[in-house]
Amino acid sequence: MRKIFSLLIPALILFSCSGSQQRIRKQVLDIATDYALGNLTDGNRKVLENGLITFSSEQKTYIIDTSRIFIGPIDQDSLSDAIISVFPFENNYEVTTEHLISINNNGRLMLVRALESDMRIISIENGIITAEIPEHARNSPLFNCPSCWEVVKYRFINGELVRTE
């Protein structure tokens, strides 16, 4: 009997956590969808074979990569918040990356900030957002240089990302 409980309890915890993660991922995708469609006139949705979701109009396209959802506590509480990166294109050129920061408010994620930045989110752990930032501007020939990216850590304080050491 003890063996059954010792196997059952971790399994229940694992399934409840993965169910919670799935619920958060769905909420984040809903937020990103609303954001993209809100910035387009007559946007069309298409799901590609590789899992990317595109929303496009004549002049602008948003690409949502479902693998770029990061979940973890961002603000001062211990609830799971999330960041998703969306990629806007105008006339087939990427403008910049937009990071949608959503904070958990009583079990429901709410978009609190859309941040335009060329950074790449790596992880969220214990209120620390780890990201890579380019050392060169987007219009520099060295922008895509693989060794020209710096790893930095941020905290989300009063609606702003504040760099920490």
Protein backbone atom coordinates (compact mmCIF):
# COMPACT_ATOMS: atom_id res chain seq x y z
CA MET A 1 0.00 0.00 0.00
CA ARG A 2 2.85 2.36 0.87
CA LYS A 3 4.49 1.66 -2.48
CA ILE A 4 1.32 2.63 -4.30
CA PHE A 5 1.10 5.96 -2.47
CA SER A 6 4.80 6.64 -2.93
CA LEU A 7 4.33 6.23 -6.70
CA LEU A 8 0.91 7.87 -6.91
CA ILE A 9 1.72 11.16 -5.14
CA PRO A 10 4.70 12.16 -7.37
CA ALA A 11 2.68 11.18 -10.46
CA LEU A 12 -0.23 13.39 -9.37
CA ILE A 13 2.12 16.31 -8.70
CA LEU A 14 3.77 15.85 -12.11
CA PHE A 15 0.43 15.72 -13.95
CA SER A 16 -1.01 18.71 -12.08
CA CYS A 17 2.10 20.78 -12.87
CA SER A 18 2.06 19.84 -16.55
CA GLY A 19 -1.67 20.64 -16.70
CA SER A 20 -0.96 24.04 -15.17
CA GLN A 21 1.83 24.65 -17.70
CA GLN A 22 -0.52 23.76 -20.56
CA ARG A 23 -3.19 26.15 -19.23
CA ILE A 24 -0.62 28.95 -19.00
CA ARG A 25 0.69 28.21 -22.51
CA LYS A 26 -2.86 28.43 -23.88
CA GLN A 27 -3.46 31.76 -22.10
CA VAL A 28 -0.15 33.13 -23.44
CA LEU A 29 -1.02 32.08 -27.00
CA ASP A 30 -4.45 33.74 -26.63
CA ILE A 31 -2.75 36.95 -25.45
CA ALA A 32 -0.27 36.85 -28.37
CA THR A 33 -3.10 36.18 -30.83
CA ASP A 34 -5.13 39.13 -29.53
CA TYR A 35 -2.02 41.33 -29.63
CA ALA A 36 -1.14 40.41 -33.22
CA LEU A 37 -4.70 40.73 -34.52
CA GLY A 38 -5.11 44.03 -32.66
CA ASN A 39 -2.15 45.45 -34.60
CA LEU A 40 -3.38 44.28 -38.01
CA THR A 41 -6.21 45.29 -40.30
CA ASP A 42 -8.08 42.19 -41.48
CA GLY A 43 -5.41 39.75 -40.29
CA ASN A 44 -5.37 36.16 -41.56
CA ARG A 45 -4.19 33.29 -39.33
CA LYS A 46 -2.14 30.38 -40.62
CA VAL A 47 -0.53 27.52 -38.66
CA LEU A 48 2.57 26.20 -40.38
CA GLU A 49 3.85 22.62 -40.28
CA ASN A 50 6.79 23.60 -38.06
CA GLY A 51 4.44 24.94 -35.34
CA LEU A 52 4.81 28.62 -36.18
CA ILE A 53 1.63 30.67 -36.24
CA THR A 54 1.42 33.62 -38.62
CA PHE A 55 -1.01 36.52 -38.66
CA SER A 56 -0.76 38.69 -41.72
CA SER A 57 -2.33 41.55 -43.59
CA GLU A 58 -1.17 43.30 -46.76
CA GLN A 59 1.69 45.24 -45.19
CA LYS A 60 2.47 43.52 -41.89
CA THR A 61 2.96 39.98 -40.57
CA TYR A 62 3.38 38.66 -37.04
CA ILE A 63 5.06 35.31 -36.47
CA ILE A 64 4.51 33.52 -33.18
CA ASP A 65 6.92 30.72 -32.35
CA THR A 66 5.21 28.50 -29.77
CA SER A 67 8.61 27.23 -28.60
CA ARG A 68 9.47 30.79 -27.44
CA ILE A 69 7.10 30.76 -24.46
CA PHE A 70 8.93 31.12 -21.14
CA ILE A 71 7.09 30.45 -17.89
CA GLY A 72 8.21 31.32 -14.37
CA PRO A 73 7.77 33.90 -11.62
CA ILE A 74 8.54 37.37 -13.00
CA ASP A 75 7.10 39.74 -10.41
CA GLN A 76 7.40 39.68 -6.62
CA ASP A 77 4.90 36.86 -5.96
CA SER A 78 5.60 33.17 -6.57
CA LEU A 79 2.90 32.66 -9.22
CA SER A 80 3.85 31.55 -12.71
CA ASP A 81 4.02 34.43 -15.16
CA ALA A 82 5.09 34.26 -18.80
CA ILE A 83 6.91 35.92 -21.69
CA ILE A 84 6.33 35.13 -25.35
CA SER A 85 8.41 36.57 -28.16
CA VAL A 86 6.61 37.61 -31.35
CA PHE A 87 8.31 38.63 -34.56
CA PRO A 88 6.71 41.45 -36.59
CA PHE A 89 7.60 41.90 -40.26
CA GLU A 90 6.78 44.90 -42.43
CA ASN A 91 7.12 44.44 -46.19
CA ASN A 92 8.95 41.12 -45.58
CA TYR A 93 11.60 42.65 -43.28
CA GLU A 94 11.78 41.91 -39.56
CA VAL A 95 11.31 45.17 -37.69
CA THR A 96 12.36 44.05 -34.21
CA THR A 97 11.30 41.40 -31.73
CA GLU A 98 8.41 42.16 -29.39
CA HIS A 99 8.32 40.43 -26.02
CA LEU A 100 4.89 40.20 -24.42
CA ILE A 101 5.19 40.09 -20.63
CA SER A 102 2.14 38.62 -18.90
CA ILE A 103 1.69 38.61 -15.14
CA ASN A 104 -0.50 36.15 -13.24
CA ASN A 105 -3.36 37.98 -11.51
CA ASN A 106 -5.49 35.57 -9.44
CA GLY A 107 -4.91 32.65 -11.81
CA ARG A 108 -5.38 34.65 -15.02
CA LEU A 109 -2.51 36.02 -17.10
CA MET A 110 -2.73 39.67 -18.09
CA LEU A 111 -0.55 41.45 -20.63
CA VAL A 112 1.29 44.17 -18.72
CA ARG A 113 4.05 45.14 -21.14
CA ALA A 114 4.97 44.76 -24.79
CA LEU A 115 8.69 45.36 -25.02
CA GLU A 116 10.44 45.99 -28.35
CA SER A 117 13.96 44.64 -28.14
CA ASP A 118 16.37 42.51 -30.13
CA MET A 119 17.16 40.45 -27.04
CA ARG A 120 16.60 36.69 -27.01
CA ILE A 121 15.00 35.33 -23.85
CA ILE A 122 16.86 32.30 -22.46
CA SER A 123 14.98 31.56 -19.22
CA ILE A 124 12.93 32.80 -16.29
CA GLU A 125 13.93 31.55 -12.83
CA ASN A 126 13.17 33.00 -9.38
CA GLY A 127 12.19 36.39 -10.77
CA ILE A 128 15.32 36.64 -12.94
CA ILE A 129 14.89 36.90 -16.70
CA THR A 130 18.04 35.77 -18.49
CA ALA A 131 18.50 36.99 -22.04
CA GLU A 132 21.08 37.51 -24.75
CA ILE A 133 21.44 41.01 -26.13
CA PRO A 134 23.32 42.04 -29.28
CA GLU A 135 26.44 44.14 -28.90
CA HIS A 136 25.79 45.82 -32.26
CA ALA A 137 22.78 47.71 -33.62
CA ARG A 138 20.39 46.02 -36.04
CA ASN A 139 21.71 48.15 -38.94
CA SER A 140 25.32 47.08 -38.27
CA PRO A 141 26.90 44.36 -40.44
CA LEU A 142 27.96 42.68 -37.17
CA PHE A 143 24.40 42.43 -35.80
CA ASN A 144 24.14 38.68 -36.55
CA CYS A 145 27.68 37.90 -35.43
CA PRO A 146 27.27 34.79 -33.20
CA SER A 147 30.03 35.82 -30.81
CA CYS A 148 28.74 39.38 -30.47
CA TRP A 149 25.91 38.63 -28.02
CA GLU A 150 26.09 39.24 -24.28
CA VAL A 151 24.14 37.26 -21.66
CA VAL A 152 22.42 39.56 -19.16
CA LYS A 153 19.98 39.18 -16.27
CA TYR A 154 16.94 41.36 -15.62
CA ARG A 155 14.28 41.82 -12.97
CA PHE A 156 10.81 43.12 -13.79
CA ILE A 157 10.25 46.05 -11.40
CA ASN A 158 7.37 48.53 -11.67
CA GLY A 159 6.67 47.61 -15.30
CA GLU A 160 10.31 47.93 -16.42
CA LEU A 161 13.12 45.45 -17.03
CA VAL A 162 15.97 46.42 -14.73
CA ARG A 163 19.39 44.94 -15.40
CA THR A 164 20.93 43.08 -12.46
CA GLU A 165 24.45 41.80 -11.95
